[in-house]
């Protein structure tokens, strides 16, 4: 699995750990109030993928009327080390957990 280490992944990693520490709004229901069926379907797919990957600590990172970005921790399938999986509207990024 290719790990990304760049400005974007460091930003999302920092935001992720801040969200876990300070913000209790973690699901689309909590951040949107009444999310669309499309957003519910997207979150359902991400949660299913997370469960298949033995992931944990899911949280929504950013959101607006059209897009959302979320993340969760999971074991790297190759090493077993805990990594961060970041789901953006256009990409899935993986980065080492807490190495920034």
N, C-alpha and C. Protein backbone atom coordinates (compact mmCIF):
# COMPACT_ATOMS: atom_id res chain seq x y z
N UNK A 1 0.84 -1.17 0.00
CA UNK A 1 0.00 0.00 0.00
C UNK A 1 0.89 1.24 0.00
N UNK A 2 0.63 2.14 -0.93
CA UNK A 2 1.44 3.35 -1.05
C UNK A 2 0.98 4.39 -0.03
N UNK A 3 1.91 4.79 0.85
CA UNK A 3 1.62 5.83 1.82
C UNK A 3 1.99 7.19 1.24
N UNK A 4 1.15 8.16 1.48
CA UNK A 4 1.38 9.52 1.01
C UNK A 4 1.90 10.36 2.17
N UNK A 5 2.92 11.14 1.92
CA UNK A 5 3.43 12.08 2.92
C UNK A 5 3.66 13.40 2.21
N UNK A 6 2.66 14.24 2.26
CA UNK A 6 2.76 15.55 1.63
C UNK A 6 1.95 16.56 2.45
N UNK A 7 1.93 17.77 1.98
CA UNK A 7 1.26 18.84 2.71
C UNK A 7 -0.23 18.52 2.93
N UNK A 8 -0.88 17.95 1.93
CA UNK A 8 -2.31 17.63 2.04
C UNK A 8 -2.57 16.57 3.09
N UNK A 9 -1.82 15.48 3.04
CA UNK A 9 -2.06 14.41 4.02
C UNK A 9 -1.69 14.86 5.43
N UNK A 10 -0.66 15.67 5.56
CA UNK A 10 -0.31 16.18 6.90
C UNK A 10 -1.43 17.09 7.42
N UNK A 11 -2.01 17.91 6.55
CA UNK A 11 -3.14 18.76 6.95
C UNK A 11 -4.31 17.91 7.43
N UNK A 12 -4.69 16.91 6.63
CA UNK A 12 -5.81 16.07 7.02
C UNK A 12 -5.52 15.25 8.28
N UNK A 13 -4.29 14.79 8.43
CA UNK A 13 -3.92 14.03 9.64
C UNK A 13 -4.04 14.91 10.88
N UNK A 14 -3.53 16.12 10.79
CA UNK A 14 -3.63 17.04 11.93
C UNK A 14 -5.09 17.35 12.24
N UNK A 15 -5.87 17.59 11.21
CA UNK A 15 -7.30 17.86 11.39
C UNK A 15 -8.00 16.65 12.01
N UNK A 16 -7.65 15.45 11.56
CA UNK A 16 -8.25 14.22 12.08
C UNK A 16 -8.02 14.10 13.58
N UNK A 17 -6.78 14.24 14.01
CA UNK A 17 -6.49 14.06 15.44
C UNK A 17 -7.06 15.20 16.27
N UNK A 18 -7.15 16.41 15.71
CA UNK A 18 -7.84 17.50 16.40
C UNK A 18 -9.33 17.18 16.56
N UNK A 19 -9.95 16.65 15.50
CA UNK A 19 -11.37 16.29 15.56
C UNK A 19 -11.62 15.24 16.65
N UNK A 20 -10.76 14.23 16.68
CA UNK A 20 -10.94 13.19 17.69
C UNK A 20 -10.79 13.74 19.09
N UNK A 21 -9.89 14.70 19.25
CA UNK A 21 -9.60 15.23 20.57
C UNK A 21 -10.63 16.25 21.04
N UNK A 22 -11.09 17.14 20.14
CA UNK A 22 -11.89 18.28 20.56
C UNK A 22 -13.34 18.33 20.07
N UNK A 23 -13.68 17.58 19.04
CA UNK A 23 -14.99 17.75 18.41
C UNK A 23 -15.77 16.45 18.47
N UNK A 24 -17.00 16.52 18.96
CA UNK A 24 -17.78 15.29 19.07
C UNK A 24 -18.69 15.07 17.86
N UNK A 25 -18.65 15.92 16.85
CA UNK A 25 -19.44 15.72 15.62
C UNK A 25 -18.66 14.79 14.70
N UNK A 26 -19.10 13.55 14.58
CA UNK A 26 -18.29 12.58 13.86
C UNK A 26 -18.97 11.95 12.65
N UNK A 27 -20.28 11.95 12.56
CA UNK A 27 -20.98 11.32 11.43
C UNK A 27 -21.65 12.39 10.58
N UNK A 28 -22.12 11.99 9.39
CA UNK A 28 -22.78 12.98 8.55
C UNK A 28 -24.08 13.47 9.18
N UNK A 29 -24.76 12.63 9.94
CA UNK A 29 -25.98 13.09 10.62
C UNK A 29 -25.65 14.21 11.60
N UNK A 30 -24.52 14.10 12.25
CA UNK A 30 -24.13 15.12 13.23
C UNK A 30 -23.62 16.40 12.58
N UNK A 31 -22.97 16.31 11.44
CA UNK A 31 -22.44 17.53 10.82
C UNK A 31 -23.44 18.20 9.89
N UNK A 32 -24.32 17.43 9.25
CA UNK A 32 -25.29 18.01 8.33
C UNK A 32 -26.68 18.21 8.93
N UNK A 33 -27.00 17.53 10.00
CA UNK A 33 -28.36 17.60 10.54
C UNK A 33 -29.27 16.65 9.79
N UNK A 34 -29.63 17.01 8.57
CA UNK A 34 -30.45 16.14 7.71
C UNK A 34 -29.70 15.97 6.39
N UNK A 35 -28.82 14.98 6.30
CA UNK A 35 -28.04 14.78 5.08
C UNK A 35 -28.89 14.19 3.95
N UNK A 36 -28.44 14.41 2.73
CA UNK A 36 -29.14 13.84 1.57
C UNK A 36 -28.94 12.32 1.55
N UNK A 37 -29.76 11.66 0.77
CA UNK A 37 -29.63 10.20 0.61
C UNK A 37 -28.28 9.86 -0.04
N UNK A 38 -27.80 10.72 -0.93
CA UNK A 38 -26.51 10.48 -1.57
C UNK A 38 -25.38 10.51 -0.54
N UNK A 39 -25.42 11.49 0.36
CA UNK A 39 -24.38 11.56 1.40
C UNK A 39 -24.48 10.36 2.33
N UNK A 40 -25.68 9.95 2.66
CA UNK A 40 -25.86 8.75 3.49
C UNK A 40 -25.27 7.52 2.80
N UNK A 41 -25.50 7.39 1.50
CA UNK A 41 -24.97 6.25 0.75
C UNK A 41 -23.45 6.28 0.72
N UNK A 42 -22.87 7.46 0.55
CA UNK A 42 -21.41 7.59 0.54
C UNK A 42 -20.84 7.17 1.90
N UNK A 43 -21.44 7.69 2.97
CA UNK A 43 -20.94 7.32 4.30
C UNK A 43 -21.12 5.82 4.55
N UNK A 44 -22.23 5.25 4.11
CA UNK A 44 -22.45 3.81 4.29
C UNK A 44 -21.35 3.01 3.58
N UNK A 45 -21.00 3.41 2.36
CA UNK A 45 -19.94 2.71 1.62
C UNK A 45 -18.60 2.83 2.36
N UNK A 46 -18.29 4.03 2.84
CA UNK A 46 -17.03 4.25 3.55
C UNK A 46 -16.99 3.43 4.83
N UNK A 47 -18.09 3.41 5.58
CA UNK A 47 -18.13 2.62 6.82
C UNK A 47 -18.00 1.13 6.54
N UNK A 48 -18.60 0.67 5.44
CA UNK A 48 -18.47 -0.74 5.06
C UNK A 48 -17.02 -1.06 4.72
N UNK A 49 -16.37 -0.18 3.93
CA UNK A 49 -14.96 -0.38 3.60
C UNK A 49 -14.11 -0.38 4.86
N UNK A 50 -14.41 0.55 5.78
CA UNK A 50 -13.66 0.64 7.03
C UNK A 50 -13.78 -0.67 7.82
N UNK A 51 -14.99 -1.19 7.89
CA UNK A 51 -15.19 -2.43 8.63
C UNK A 51 -14.42 -3.59 7.98
N UNK A 52 -14.44 -3.67 6.66
CA UNK A 52 -13.71 -4.72 5.95
C UNK A 52 -12.20 -4.61 6.17
N UNK A 53 -11.72 -3.40 6.41
CA UNK A 53 -10.28 -3.17 6.63
C UNK A 53 -9.91 -3.17 8.11
N UNK A 54 -10.85 -3.53 8.98
CA UNK A 54 -10.63 -3.50 10.43
C UNK A 54 -10.30 -2.10 10.93
N UNK A 55 -10.95 -1.10 10.33
CA UNK A 55 -10.71 0.28 10.68
C UNK A 55 -11.42 0.69 11.96
N UNK A 56 -11.07 1.89 12.45
CA UNK A 56 -11.65 2.40 13.69
C UNK A 56 -11.56 3.91 13.71
N UNK A 57 -12.31 4.53 14.60
CA UNK A 57 -12.27 5.97 14.84
C UNK A 57 -12.63 6.81 13.62
N UNK A 58 -13.73 6.45 12.96
CA UNK A 58 -14.22 7.21 11.80
C UNK A 58 -14.66 8.60 12.23
N UNK A 59 -14.36 9.58 11.41
CA UNK A 59 -14.86 10.93 11.65
C UNK A 59 -14.91 11.72 10.34
N UNK A 60 -15.88 12.61 10.24
CA UNK A 60 -15.95 13.54 9.12
C UNK A 60 -14.96 14.67 9.40
N UNK A 61 -14.12 14.99 8.43
CA UNK A 61 -13.12 16.04 8.59
C UNK A 61 -13.62 17.38 8.09
N UNK A 62 -14.08 17.41 6.85
CA UNK A 62 -14.58 18.65 6.25
C UNK A 62 -15.89 18.34 5.54
N UNK A 63 -16.71 19.37 5.41
CA UNK A 63 -17.98 19.19 4.70
C UNK A 63 -18.50 20.54 4.22
N UNK A 64 -19.24 20.48 3.13
CA UNK A 64 -19.99 21.63 2.65
C UNK A 64 -21.24 21.10 1.97
N UNK A 65 -21.92 21.91 1.22
CA UNK A 65 -23.18 21.47 0.62
C UNK A 65 -23.01 20.33 -0.38
N UNK A 66 -21.84 20.24 -1.01
CA UNK A 66 -21.65 19.24 -2.05
C UNK A 66 -20.71 18.10 -1.69
N UNK A 67 -19.69 18.36 -0.88
CA UNK A 67 -18.64 17.37 -0.66
C UNK A 67 -18.38 17.13 0.82
N UNK A 68 -17.78 15.97 1.10
CA UNK A 68 -17.29 15.71 2.43
C UNK A 68 -15.99 14.94 2.34
N UNK A 69 -15.17 15.12 3.34
CA UNK A 69 -13.91 14.39 3.48
C UNK A 69 -13.93 13.76 4.86
N UNK A 70 -13.57 12.49 4.93
CA UNK A 70 -13.57 11.81 6.22
C UNK A 70 -12.32 10.94 6.32
N UNK A 71 -12.10 10.40 7.51
CA UNK A 71 -10.91 9.59 7.73
C UNK A 71 -11.15 8.58 8.84
N UNK A 72 -10.32 7.56 8.85
CA UNK A 72 -10.32 6.56 9.91
C UNK A 72 -8.96 5.89 9.96
N UNK A 73 -8.66 5.29 11.09
CA UNK A 73 -7.42 4.55 11.25
C UNK A 73 -7.66 3.09 10.88
N UNK A 74 -6.61 2.45 10.38
CA UNK A 74 -6.70 1.04 9.99
C UNK A 74 -5.30 0.43 10.01
N UNK A 75 -5.22 -0.89 10.17
CA UNK A 75 -3.90 -1.52 10.08
C UNK A 75 -3.45 -1.62 8.62
N UNK A 76 -2.18 -1.32 8.40
CA UNK A 76 -1.60 -1.49 7.06
C UNK A 76 -1.61 -2.98 6.75
N UNK A 77 -2.20 -3.39 5.62
CA UNK A 77 -2.26 -4.82 5.30
C UNK A 77 -0.90 -5.49 5.16
N UNK A 78 0.13 -4.72 4.85
CA UNK A 78 1.46 -5.29 4.64
C UNK A 78 2.28 -5.36 5.92
N UNK A 79 2.15 -4.34 6.79
CA UNK A 79 3.02 -4.27 7.97
C UNK A 79 2.27 -4.43 9.29
N UNK A 80 0.95 -4.20 9.28
CA UNK A 80 0.18 -4.24 10.52
C UNK A 80 0.22 -2.93 11.30
N UNK A 81 1.06 -1.99 10.88
CA UNK A 81 1.17 -0.70 11.53
C UNK A 81 -0.13 0.09 11.31
N UNK A 82 -0.55 0.85 12.32
CA UNK A 82 -1.76 1.65 12.19
C UNK A 82 -1.48 2.84 11.27
N UNK A 83 -2.29 2.98 10.22
CA UNK A 83 -2.18 4.09 9.29
C UNK A 83 -3.51 4.83 9.23
N UNK A 84 -3.49 6.00 8.64
CA UNK A 84 -4.68 6.82 8.50
C UNK A 84 -5.17 6.73 7.06
N UNK A 85 -6.44 6.39 6.88
CA UNK A 85 -7.08 6.35 5.57
C UNK A 85 -7.93 7.61 5.45
N UNK A 86 -7.68 8.42 4.44
CA UNK A 86 -8.40 9.67 4.22
C UNK A 86 -9.20 9.53 2.94
N UNK A 87 -10.51 9.68 3.05
CA UNK A 87 -11.42 9.59 1.90
C UNK A 87 -11.82 10.99 1.49
N UNK A 88 -11.35 11.44 0.32
CA UNK A 88 -11.72 12.75 -0.21
C UNK A 88 -12.74 12.52 -1.33
N UNK A 89 -13.35 13.58 -1.85
CA UNK A 89 -14.29 13.39 -2.96
C UNK A 89 -13.68 12.70 -4.18
N UNK A 90 -12.38 12.84 -4.39
CA UNK A 90 -11.78 12.28 -5.60
C UNK A 90 -10.70 11.23 -5.36
N UNK A 91 -10.23 11.06 -4.12
CA UNK A 91 -9.12 10.13 -3.85
C UNK A 91 -9.27 9.46 -2.49
N UNK A 92 -8.59 8.33 -2.38
CA UNK A 92 -8.37 7.70 -1.09
C UNK A 92 -6.87 7.79 -0.84
N UNK A 93 -6.51 8.42 0.27
CA UNK A 93 -5.10 8.62 0.62
C UNK A 93 -4.76 7.85 1.88
N UNK A 94 -3.55 7.35 1.96
CA UNK A 94 -3.07 6.65 3.15
C UNK A 94 -1.82 7.34 3.64
N UNK A 95 -1.72 7.53 4.94
CA UNK A 95 -0.53 8.14 5.50
C UNK A 95 -0.20 7.47 6.84
N UNK A 96 1.05 7.52 7.21
CA UNK A 96 1.45 6.98 8.51
C UNK A 96 0.72 7.70 9.63
N UNK A 97 0.33 6.98 10.62
CA UNK A 97 -0.42 7.56 11.73
C UNK A 97 0.49 8.34 12.64
N UNK A 98 0.17 9.60 12.87
CA UNK A 98 0.85 10.48 13.84
C UNK A 98 2.36 10.63 13.60
N UNK A 99 2.76 10.66 12.36
CA UNK A 99 4.19 10.86 12.11
C UNK A 99 4.51 12.28 11.73
N UNK A 100 3.55 13.15 11.68
CA UNK A 100 3.78 14.54 11.27
C UNK A 100 4.16 15.30 12.43
